[in-house]
Amino acid sequence: MKTEPQKEHAWLQQLVGEWVYETECSMEPGKPAERFSGVETVRPLGDLWVLCEGRGQMPGGGEATTLMTLGYDTAKKQYVGTWVGSMMAHLWIYEGSMDAGERVLTLSAEGPNCMEEGKMGKYRDVIEIKDRDHRLLTPHMLGDDGEWRPMMTVTYRRKKEK
């Protein structure tokens, strides 16, 4: 059973490369935003998947390693993936879709509520392609009031080839 790559798979291939990132997040309302940095290596797994491995600082101190998988399920007609981080035991499972302009990929997931221990929450990660060398990731959490709230902004810049 061989899946032929579709345009959705080709879209993911533009993420392949070496990236540096800056994260800005507000840990508490009314407090100044904190900044963190790191690097991400995105490599293809054949023509159908990309693997995004990040290494950098995390809120609260310390280093973290993360691994995101992204692909497109031709049967479900949606983007799919996973995310794991060295700082937690939860496996995040993504399902998502592309905007009409093919610049913004929105991935939905459920995971531990970062505001209330022991409770699950709904999340949305929005990946926006700015240009070949710049992209933005904005994770959101669904509040009890039904409003999506941005949690942080991660700005990626492709490393220049030497």
N, C-alpha and C. Protein backbone atom coordinates (compact mmCIF):
# COMPACT_ATOMS: atom_id res chain seq x y z
N MET A 1 0.84 -1.18 0.00
CA MET A 1 0.00 0.00 0.00
C MET A 1 0.89 1.25 0.00
N LYS A 2 1.15 1.77 -1.17
CA LYS A 2 2.00 2.95 -1.31
C LYS A 2 1.13 4.17 -1.56
N THR A 3 1.33 5.19 -0.76
CA THR A 3 0.60 6.45 -0.94
C THR A 3 1.42 7.37 -1.81
N GLU A 4 0.81 7.88 -2.85
CA GLU A 4 1.48 8.86 -3.70
C GLU A 4 1.39 10.23 -3.04
N PRO A 5 2.49 10.97 -3.00
CA PRO A 5 2.47 12.30 -2.39
C PRO A 5 1.48 13.22 -3.10
N GLN A 6 0.79 14.00 -2.29
CA GLN A 6 -0.18 14.99 -2.79
C GLN A 6 0.39 16.38 -2.57
N LYS A 7 -0.32 17.40 -3.02
CA LYS A 7 0.16 18.78 -2.83
C LYS A 7 0.28 19.12 -1.34
N GLU A 8 -0.55 18.50 -0.51
CA GLU A 8 -0.48 18.74 0.94
C GLU A 8 0.84 18.23 1.52
N HIS A 9 1.31 17.11 1.01
CA HIS A 9 2.61 16.58 1.45
C HIS A 9 3.74 17.51 1.00
N ALA A 10 3.62 18.00 -0.24
CA ALA A 10 4.64 18.93 -0.76
C ALA A 10 4.69 20.20 0.09
N TRP A 11 3.53 20.67 0.59
CA TRP A 11 3.50 21.87 1.43
C TRP A 11 4.38 21.67 2.66
N LEU A 12 4.31 20.50 3.25
CA LEU A 12 5.09 20.22 4.46
C LEU A 12 6.59 20.24 4.20
N GLN A 13 7.01 19.90 2.99
CA GLN A 13 8.43 19.82 2.67
C GLN A 13 9.13 21.18 2.76
N GLN A 14 8.36 22.27 2.66
CA GLN A 14 8.99 23.60 2.78
C GLN A 14 9.51 23.87 4.19
N LEU A 15 9.10 23.06 5.15
CA LEU A 15 9.57 23.20 6.52
C LEU A 15 10.95 22.58 6.72
N VAL A 16 11.38 21.72 5.80
CA VAL A 16 12.64 21.00 5.94
C VAL A 16 13.80 21.99 5.98
N GLY A 17 14.69 21.79 6.96
CA GLY A 17 15.87 22.63 7.08
C GLY A 17 16.26 22.85 8.53
N GLU A 18 17.23 23.74 8.72
CA GLU A 18 17.72 24.11 10.05
C GLU A 18 17.16 25.50 10.38
N TRP A 19 16.59 25.62 11.58
CA TRP A 19 15.92 26.85 11.99
C TRP A 19 16.43 27.29 13.36
N VAL A 20 16.40 28.58 13.60
CA VAL A 20 16.58 29.13 14.95
C VAL A 20 15.24 29.76 15.32
N TYR A 21 14.91 29.75 16.61
CA TYR A 21 13.63 30.34 17.01
C TYR A 21 13.76 31.17 18.27
N GLU A 22 12.83 32.10 18.38
CA GLU A 22 12.65 32.94 19.57
C GLU A 22 11.22 32.74 20.04
N THR A 23 11.06 32.45 21.30
CA THR A 23 9.73 32.28 21.89
C THR A 23 9.46 33.45 22.82
N GLU A 24 8.26 34.00 22.72
CA GLU A 24 7.84 35.06 23.64
C GLU A 24 6.53 34.61 24.28
N CYS A 25 6.51 34.59 25.62
CA CYS A 25 5.27 34.19 26.28
C CYS A 25 5.10 34.96 27.59
N SER A 26 3.85 35.19 27.92
CA SER A 26 3.50 35.81 29.19
C SER A 26 3.14 34.70 30.15
N MET A 27 3.89 34.58 31.22
CA MET A 27 3.65 33.52 32.19
C MET A 27 2.45 33.85 33.07
N GLU A 28 2.23 35.14 33.33
CA GLU A 28 1.11 35.57 34.16
C GLU A 28 0.60 36.91 33.63
N PRO A 29 -0.72 37.14 33.71
CA PRO A 29 -1.25 38.43 33.27
C PRO A 29 -0.61 39.58 34.05
N GLY A 30 -0.29 40.65 33.34
CA GLY A 30 0.29 41.82 33.98
C GLY A 30 1.79 41.76 34.16
N LYS A 31 2.39 40.61 33.91
CA LYS A 31 3.85 40.46 34.03
C LYS A 31 4.47 40.63 32.65
N PRO A 32 5.71 41.13 32.59
CA PRO A 32 6.36 41.26 31.28
C PRO A 32 6.56 39.90 30.62
N ALA A 33 6.52 39.89 29.30
CA ALA A 33 6.72 38.65 28.55
C ALA A 33 8.15 38.15 28.74
N GLU A 34 8.30 36.83 28.75
CA GLU A 34 9.62 36.21 28.83
C GLU A 34 10.02 35.75 27.43
N ARG A 35 11.32 35.73 27.18
CA ARG A 35 11.83 35.30 25.88
C ARG A 35 12.76 34.10 26.07
N PHE A 36 12.64 33.16 25.12
CA PHE A 36 13.45 31.96 25.12
C PHE A 36 13.90 31.71 23.69
N SER A 37 14.97 30.96 23.53
CA SER A 37 15.45 30.68 22.18
C SER A 37 15.86 29.23 22.05
N GLY A 38 16.05 28.81 20.80
CA GLY A 38 16.46 27.44 20.54
C GLY A 38 16.69 27.21 19.07
N VAL A 39 16.86 25.95 18.72
CA VAL A 39 17.07 25.54 17.33
C VAL A 39 16.12 24.39 17.01
N GLU A 40 15.80 24.27 15.73
CA GLU A 40 14.95 23.17 15.28
C GLU A 40 15.50 22.61 13.98
N THR A 41 15.58 21.30 13.92
CA THR A 41 15.96 20.61 12.69
C THR A 41 14.71 19.91 12.17
N VAL A 42 14.35 20.21 10.93
CA VAL A 42 13.19 19.56 10.30
C VAL A 42 13.74 18.72 9.16
N ARG A 43 13.43 17.43 9.21
CA ARG A 43 13.90 16.53 8.16
C ARG A 43 12.72 15.74 7.58
N PRO A 44 12.85 15.34 6.33
CA PRO A 44 11.77 14.56 5.73
C PRO A 44 11.83 13.11 6.16
N LEU A 45 10.69 12.47 6.20
CA LEU A 45 10.60 11.02 6.34
C LEU A 45 9.90 10.58 5.05
N GLY A 46 10.69 10.30 4.05
CA GLY A 46 10.15 10.06 2.71
C GLY A 46 9.54 11.34 2.18
N ASP A 47 8.52 11.19 1.34
CA ASP A 47 7.83 12.35 0.76
C ASP A 47 6.54 12.69 1.48
N LEU A 48 6.18 11.91 2.52
CA LEU A 48 4.86 12.06 3.13
C LEU A 48 4.88 12.71 4.51
N TRP A 49 6.02 12.71 5.19
CA TRP A 49 6.08 13.18 6.57
C TRP A 49 7.27 14.11 6.76
N VAL A 50 7.17 14.96 7.78
CA VAL A 50 8.33 15.71 8.26
C VAL A 50 8.44 15.49 9.76
N LEU A 51 9.69 15.47 10.23
CA LEU A 51 10.00 15.32 11.65
C LEU A 51 10.69 16.59 12.09
N CYS A 52 10.14 17.25 13.10
CA CYS A 52 10.65 18.54 13.58
C CYS A 52 11.19 18.35 14.98
N GLU A 53 12.52 18.39 15.13
CA GLU A 53 13.13 18.19 16.44
C GLU A 53 13.71 19.51 16.95
N GLY A 54 13.17 19.97 18.08
CA GLY A 54 13.60 21.23 18.66
C GLY A 54 14.41 21.02 19.93
N ARG A 55 15.32 21.97 20.18
CA ARG A 55 16.13 21.97 21.39
C ARG A 55 16.29 23.41 21.83
N GLY A 56 15.96 23.68 23.10
CA GLY A 56 16.13 25.04 23.57
C GLY A 56 15.65 25.22 25.00
N GLN A 57 15.60 26.48 25.39
CA GLN A 57 15.17 26.84 26.73
C GLN A 57 13.65 26.69 26.84
N MET A 58 13.18 26.54 28.07
CA MET A 58 11.74 26.46 28.29
C MET A 58 11.34 27.37 29.44
N PRO A 59 10.07 27.79 29.46
CA PRO A 59 9.60 28.62 30.57
C PRO A 59 9.86 27.94 31.91
N GLY A 60 10.28 28.71 32.87
CA GLY A 60 10.57 28.15 34.19
C GLY A 60 12.00 27.66 34.32
N GLY A 61 12.76 27.76 33.22
CA GLY A 61 14.17 27.35 33.25
C GLY A 61 14.38 25.95 32.76
N GLY A 62 15.60 25.66 32.43
CA GLY A 62 15.97 24.34 31.96
C GLY A 62 15.89 24.22 30.45
N GLU A 63 16.42 23.10 29.98
CA GLU A 63 16.44 22.80 28.56
C GLU A 63 15.35 21.79 28.23
N ALA A 64 14.86 21.86 27.01
CA ALA A 64 13.84 20.92 26.56
C ALA A 64 14.17 20.44 25.16
N THR A 65 13.76 19.22 24.87
CA THR A 65 13.83 18.67 23.52
C THR A 65 12.40 18.30 23.14
N THR A 66 12.01 18.65 21.91
CA THR A 66 10.67 18.35 21.44
C THR A 66 10.75 17.64 20.09
N LEU A 67 9.73 16.86 19.79
CA LEU A 67 9.65 16.19 18.49
C LEU A 67 8.21 16.26 17.99
N MET A 68 8.04 16.87 16.83
CA MET A 68 6.73 16.97 16.18
C MET A 68 6.80 16.16 14.89
N THR A 69 5.76 15.38 14.63
CA THR A 69 5.62 14.72 13.33
C THR A 69 4.43 15.37 12.64
N LEU A 70 4.57 15.59 11.34
CA LEU A 70 3.46 16.15 10.56
C LEU A 70 3.34 15.41 9.24
N GLY A 71 2.11 15.12 8.87
CA GLY A 71 1.81 14.48 7.59
C GLY A 71 0.42 14.87 7.15
N TYR A 72 -0.02 14.26 6.08
CA TYR A 72 -1.37 14.49 5.58
C TYR A 72 -2.00 13.14 5.33
N ASP A 73 -3.16 12.90 5.95
CA ASP A 73 -3.88 11.63 5.81
C ASP A 73 -4.84 11.78 4.63
N THR A 74 -4.55 11.07 3.54
CA THR A 74 -5.36 11.20 2.32
C THR A 74 -6.76 10.63 2.50
N ALA A 75 -6.93 9.66 3.40
CA ALA A 75 -8.27 9.09 3.64
C ALA A 75 -9.12 10.06 4.45
N LYS A 76 -8.54 10.67 5.49
CA LYS A 76 -9.27 11.62 6.34
C LYS A 76 -9.37 12.99 5.71
N LYS A 77 -8.51 13.25 4.71
CA LYS A 77 -8.44 14.57 4.06
C LYS A 77 -8.13 15.67 5.08
N GLN A 78 -7.15 15.37 5.94
CA GLN A 78 -6.71 16.37 6.91
C GLN A 78 -5.26 16.11 7.30
N TYR A 79 -4.63 17.17 7.79
CA TYR A 79 -3.28 17.05 8.30
C TYR A 79 -3.34 16.33 9.64
N VAL A 80 -2.31 15.54 9.92
CA VAL A 80 -2.24 14.78 11.17
C VAL A 80 -0.82 14.87 11.71
N GLY A 81 -0.67 14.61 12.99
CA GLY A 81 0.66 14.62 13.56
C GLY A 81 0.64 14.35 15.04
N THR A 82 1.83 14.44 15.61
CA THR A 82 2.00 14.24 17.05
C THR A 82 3.03 15.24 17.55
N TRP A 83 3.05 15.42 18.87
CA TRP A 83 4.06 16.26 19.51
C TRP A 83 4.36 15.66 20.87
N VAL A 84 5.67 15.54 21.18
CA VAL A 84 6.11 15.12 22.50
C VAL A 84 7.24 16.05 22.93
N GLY A 85 7.35 16.23 24.23
CA GLY A 85 8.42 17.06 24.78
C GLY A 85 9.05 16.38 25.98
N SER A 86 10.34 16.64 26.18
CA SER A 86 11.08 16.01 27.28
C SER A 86 10.58 16.45 28.64
N MET A 87 9.74 17.48 28.69
CA MET A 87 9.28 18.02 29.97
C MET A 87 7.94 17.44 30.43
N MET A 88 7.30 16.61 29.58
CA MET A 88 5.98 16.08 29.98
C MET A 88 5.76 14.68 29.43
N ALA A 89 4.80 13.96 30.04
CA ALA A 89 4.53 12.58 29.67
C ALA A 89 3.35 12.43 28.72
N HIS A 90 2.77 13.54 28.26
CA HIS A 90 1.58 13.48 27.40
C HIS A 90 1.98 13.43 25.93
N LEU A 91 1.36 12.54 25.15
CA LEU A 91 1.51 12.48 23.70
C LEU A 91 0.38 13.30 23.09
N TRP A 92 0.72 14.40 22.44
CA TRP A 92 -0.27 15.26 21.79
C TRP A 92 -0.55 14.70 20.40
N ILE A 93 -1.81 14.60 20.05
CA ILE A 93 -2.21 14.09 18.73
C ILE A 93 -2.95 15.20 17.99
N TYR A 94 -2.41 15.53 16.82
CA TYR A 94 -2.95 16.63 16.01
C TYR A 94 -3.87 16.14 14.90
N GLU A 95 -4.87 16.97 14.60
CA GLU A 95 -5.65 16.89 13.37
C GLU A 95 -5.85 18.32 12.94
N GLY A 96 -5.73 18.59 11.63
CA GLY A 96 -5.85 19.98 11.24
C GLY A 96 -6.13 20.19 9.77
N SER A 97 -6.18 21.48 9.43
CA SER A 97 -6.51 21.87 8.07
C SER A 97 -5.73 23.11 7.66
N MET A 98 -5.69 23.34 6.36
CA MET A 98 -4.99 24.45 5.75
C MET A 98 -6.00 25.53 5.37
N ASP A 99 -5.57 26.79 5.46
CA ASP A 99 -6.44 27.89 5.02
C ASP A 99 -6.47 27.93 3.49
N ALA A 100 -7.40 28.68 2.93
CA ALA A 100 -7.59 28.75 1.49
C ALA A 100 -6.35 29.30 0.77
N GLY A 101 -5.61 30.19 1.43
CA GLY A 101 -4.42 30.76 0.83
C GLY A 101 -3.18 29.88 0.92
N GLU A 102 -3.32 28.72 1.57
CA GLU A 102 -2.25 27.74 1.75
C GLU A 102 -1.00 28.32 2.42
N ARG A 103 -1.24 29.20 3.42
CA ARG A 103 -0.14 29.78 4.19
C ARG A 103 -0.26 29.47 5.68
N VAL A 104 -1.46 29.05 6.14
CA VAL A 104 -1.70 28.84 7.57
C VAL A 104 -2.26 27.44 7.80
N LEU A 105 -1.52 26.66 8.58
CA LEU A 105 -1.94 25.32 8.97
C LEU A 105 -2.39 25.39 10.43
N THR A 106 -3.63 24.99 10.68
CA THR A 106 -4.18 25.01 12.04
C THR A 106 -4.35 23.57 12.51
N LEU A 107 -3.69 23.24 13.63
CA LEU A 107 -3.71 21.90 14.19
C LEU A 107 -4.41 21.91 15.54
N SER A 108 -5.36 21.02 15.73
CA SER A 108 -6.09 20.92 17.00
C SER A 108 -5.61 19.72 17.79
N ALA A 109 -5.62 19.85 19.12
CA ALA A 109 -5.20 18.76 20.00
C ALA A 109 -5.87 18.93 21.36
N GLU A 110 -5.81 17.87 22.14
CA GLU A 110 -6.28 17.92 23.52
C GLU A 110 -5.12 17.52 24.41
N GLY A 111 -4.99 18.21 25.55
CA GLY A 111 -3.88 17.90 26.45
C GLY A 111 -4.11 18.45 27.84
N PRO A 112 -3.12 18.24 28.70
CA PRO A 112 -3.25 18.73 30.08
C PRO A 112 -3.47 20.24 30.13
N ASN A 113 -4.43 20.64 30.93
CA ASN A 113 -4.74 22.06 31.08
C ASN A 113 -3.61 22.72 31.87
N CYS A 114 -2.97 23.71 31.25
CA CYS A 114 -1.82 24.34 31.92
C CYS A 114 -2.26 25.30 33.02
N MET A 115 -3.56 25.55 33.16
CA MET A 115 -4.06 26.44 34.20
C MET A 115 -4.65 25.69 35.39
N GLU A 116 -5.13 24.45 35.14
CA GLU A 116 -5.76 23.66 36.21
C GLU A 116 -5.23 22.24 36.19
N GLU A 117 -4.41 21.90 37.17
CA GLU A 117 -3.84 20.57 37.26
C GLU A 117 -4.93 19.50 37.31
N GLY A 118 -4.69 18.40 36.59
CA GLY A 118 -5.62 17.28 36.60
C GLY A 118 -6.78 17.42 35.62
N LYS A 119 -6.85 18.53 34.92
CA LYS A 119 -7.93 18.78 33.97
C LYS A 119 -7.35 18.80 32.56
N MET A 120 -8.14 18.36 31.57
CA MET A 120 -7.71 18.40 30.18
C MET A 120 -8.24 19.68 29.53
N GLY A 121 -7.57 20.11 28.48
CA GLY A 121 -7.97 21.31 27.77
C GLY A 121 -7.87 21.11 26.27
N LYS A 122 -8.46 22.03 25.52
CA LYS A 122 -8.40 22.01 24.06
C LYS A 122 -7.39 23.06 23.62
N TYR A 123 -6.58 22.68 22.63
CA TYR A 123 -5.51 23.53 22.15
C TYR A 123 -5.56 23.62 20.62
N ARG A 124 -4.93 24.66 20.13
CA ARG A 124 -4.83 24.86 18.68
C ARG A 124 -3.46 25.48 18.40
N ASP A 125 -2.67 24.81 17.58
CA ASP A 125 -1.38 25.34 17.15
C ASP A 125 -1.53 25.85 15.73
N VAL A 126 -1.16 27.10 15.52
CA VAL A 126 -1.29 27.73 14.21
C VAL A 126 0.10 27.98 13.65
N ILE A 127 0.41 27.33 12.52
CA ILE A 127 1.69 27.50 11.84
C ILE A 127 1.44 28.38 10.62
N GLU A 128 2.12 29.51 10.57
CA GLU A 128 1.95 30.44 9.45
C GLU A 128 3.28 30.61 8.72
N ILE A 129 3.25 30.38 7.42
CA ILE A 129 4.43 30.59 6.58
C ILE A 129 4.45 32.05 6.17
N LYS A 130 5.50 32.77 6.56
CA LYS A 130 5.65 34.18 6.18
C LYS A 130 6.34 34.28 4.82
N ASP A 131 7.43 33.55 4.67
CA ASP A 131 8.14 33.42 3.40
C ASP A 131 9.05 32.21 3.52
N ARG A 132 9.89 31.96 2.54
CA ARG A 132 10.73 30.76 2.52
C ARG A 132 11.58 30.60 3.78
N ASP A 133 11.99 31.71 4.38
CA ASP A 133 12.92 31.66 5.50
C ASP A 133 12.32 32.08 6.84
N HIS A 134 11.03 32.33 6.90
CA HIS A 134 10.40 32.79 8.14
C HIS A 134 9.02 32.14 8.31
N ARG A 135 8.78 31.69 9.53
CA ARG A 135 7.46 31.15 9.86
C ARG A 135 7.15 31.47 11.31
N LEU A 136 5.89 31.33 11.65
CA LEU A 136 5.40 31.69 12.98
C LEU A 136 4.56 30.55 13.51
N LEU A 137 4.72 30.23 14.79
CA LEU A 137 3.87 29.25 15.47
C LEU A 137 3.20 29.97 16.63
N THR A 138 1.87 29.89 16.68
CA THR A 138 1.13 30.50 17.78
C THR A 138 0.21 29.44 18.40
N PRO A 139 0.60 28.89 19.55
CA PRO A 139 -0.28 27.97 20.27
C PRO A 139 -1.38 28.75 21.01
N HIS A 140 -2.59 28.21 20.96
CA HIS A 140 -3.75 28.81 21.64
C HIS A 140 -4.37 27.77 22.56
N MET A 141 -5.02 28.26 23.61
CA MET A 141 -5.78 27.39 24.52
C MET A 141 -7.20 27.91 24.57
N LEU A 142 -8.17 26.99 24.57
CA LEU A 142 -9.57 27.36 24.66
C LEU A 142 -9.92 27.65 26.12
N GLY A 143 -10.38 28.88 26.38
CA GLY A 143 -10.76 29.27 27.73
C GLY A 143 -12.14 28.75 28.10
N ASP A 144 -12.45 28.80 29.38
CA ASP A 144 -13.76 28.37 29.88
C ASP A 144 -14.89 29.20 29.27
N ASP A 145 -14.55 30.41 28.80
CA ASP A 145 -15.55 31.29 28.19
C ASP A 145 -15.75 31.02 26.70
N GLY A 146 -15.05 30.00 26.16
CA GLY A 146 -15.19 29.65 24.75
C GLY A 146 -14.30 30.46 23.82
N GLU A 147 -13.43 31.29 24.37
CA GLU A 147 -12.53 32.12 23.56
C GLU A 147 -11.15 31.45 23.46
N TRP A 148 -10.56 31.48 22.26
CA TRP A 148 -9.20 30.98 22.06
C TRP A 148 -8.22 32.06 22.47
N ARG A 149 -7.28 31.71 23.35
CA ARG A 149 -6.29 32.67 23.84
C ARG A 149 -4.89 32.23 23.42
N PRO A 150 -4.15 33.15 22.77
CA PRO A 150 -2.77 32.81 22.43
C PRO A 150 -1.95 32.62 23.71
N MET A 151 -1.11 31.60 23.72
CA MET A 151 -0.28 31.29 24.88
C MET A 151 1.14 31.83 24.70
N MET A 152 1.61 31.84 23.48
CA MET A 152 2.96 32.30 23.18
C MET A 152 3.07 32.52 21.68
N THR A 153 4.18 33.09 21.28
CA THR A 153 4.50 33.25 19.87
C THR A 153 5.92 32.74 19.66
N VAL A 154 6.08 31.88 18.67
CA VAL A 154 7.40 31.35 18.34
C VAL A 154 7.72 31.80 16.92
N THR A 155 8.79 32.57 16.78
CA THR A 155 9.21 33.08 15.49
C THR A 155 10.42 32.28 15.02
N TYR A 156 10.30 31.66 13.85
CA TYR A 156 11.37 30.84 13.29
C TYR A 156 12.05 31.56 12.13
N ARG A 157 13.37 31.44 12.09
CA ARG A 157 14.16 31.99 10.99
C ARG A 157 15.10 30.86 10.51
N ARG A 158 15.06 30.63 9.20
CA ARG A 158 15.91 29.59 8.62
C ARG A 158 17.38 29.98 8.79
N LYS A 159 18.21 29.03 9.22
CA LYS A 159 19.65 29.29 9.32
C LYS A 159 20.21 29.45 7.91
N LYS A 160 21.08 30.40 7.76
CA LYS A 160 21.71 30.62 6.45
C LYS A 160 22.73 29.51 6.20
N GLU A 161 22.75 29.04 4.96
CA GLU A 161 23.73 28.00 4.60
C GLU A 161 25.10 28.61 4.50
N LYS A 162 26.11 27.86 4.94
CA LYS A 162 27.49 28.37 4.93
C LYS A 162 28.16 28.09 3.62
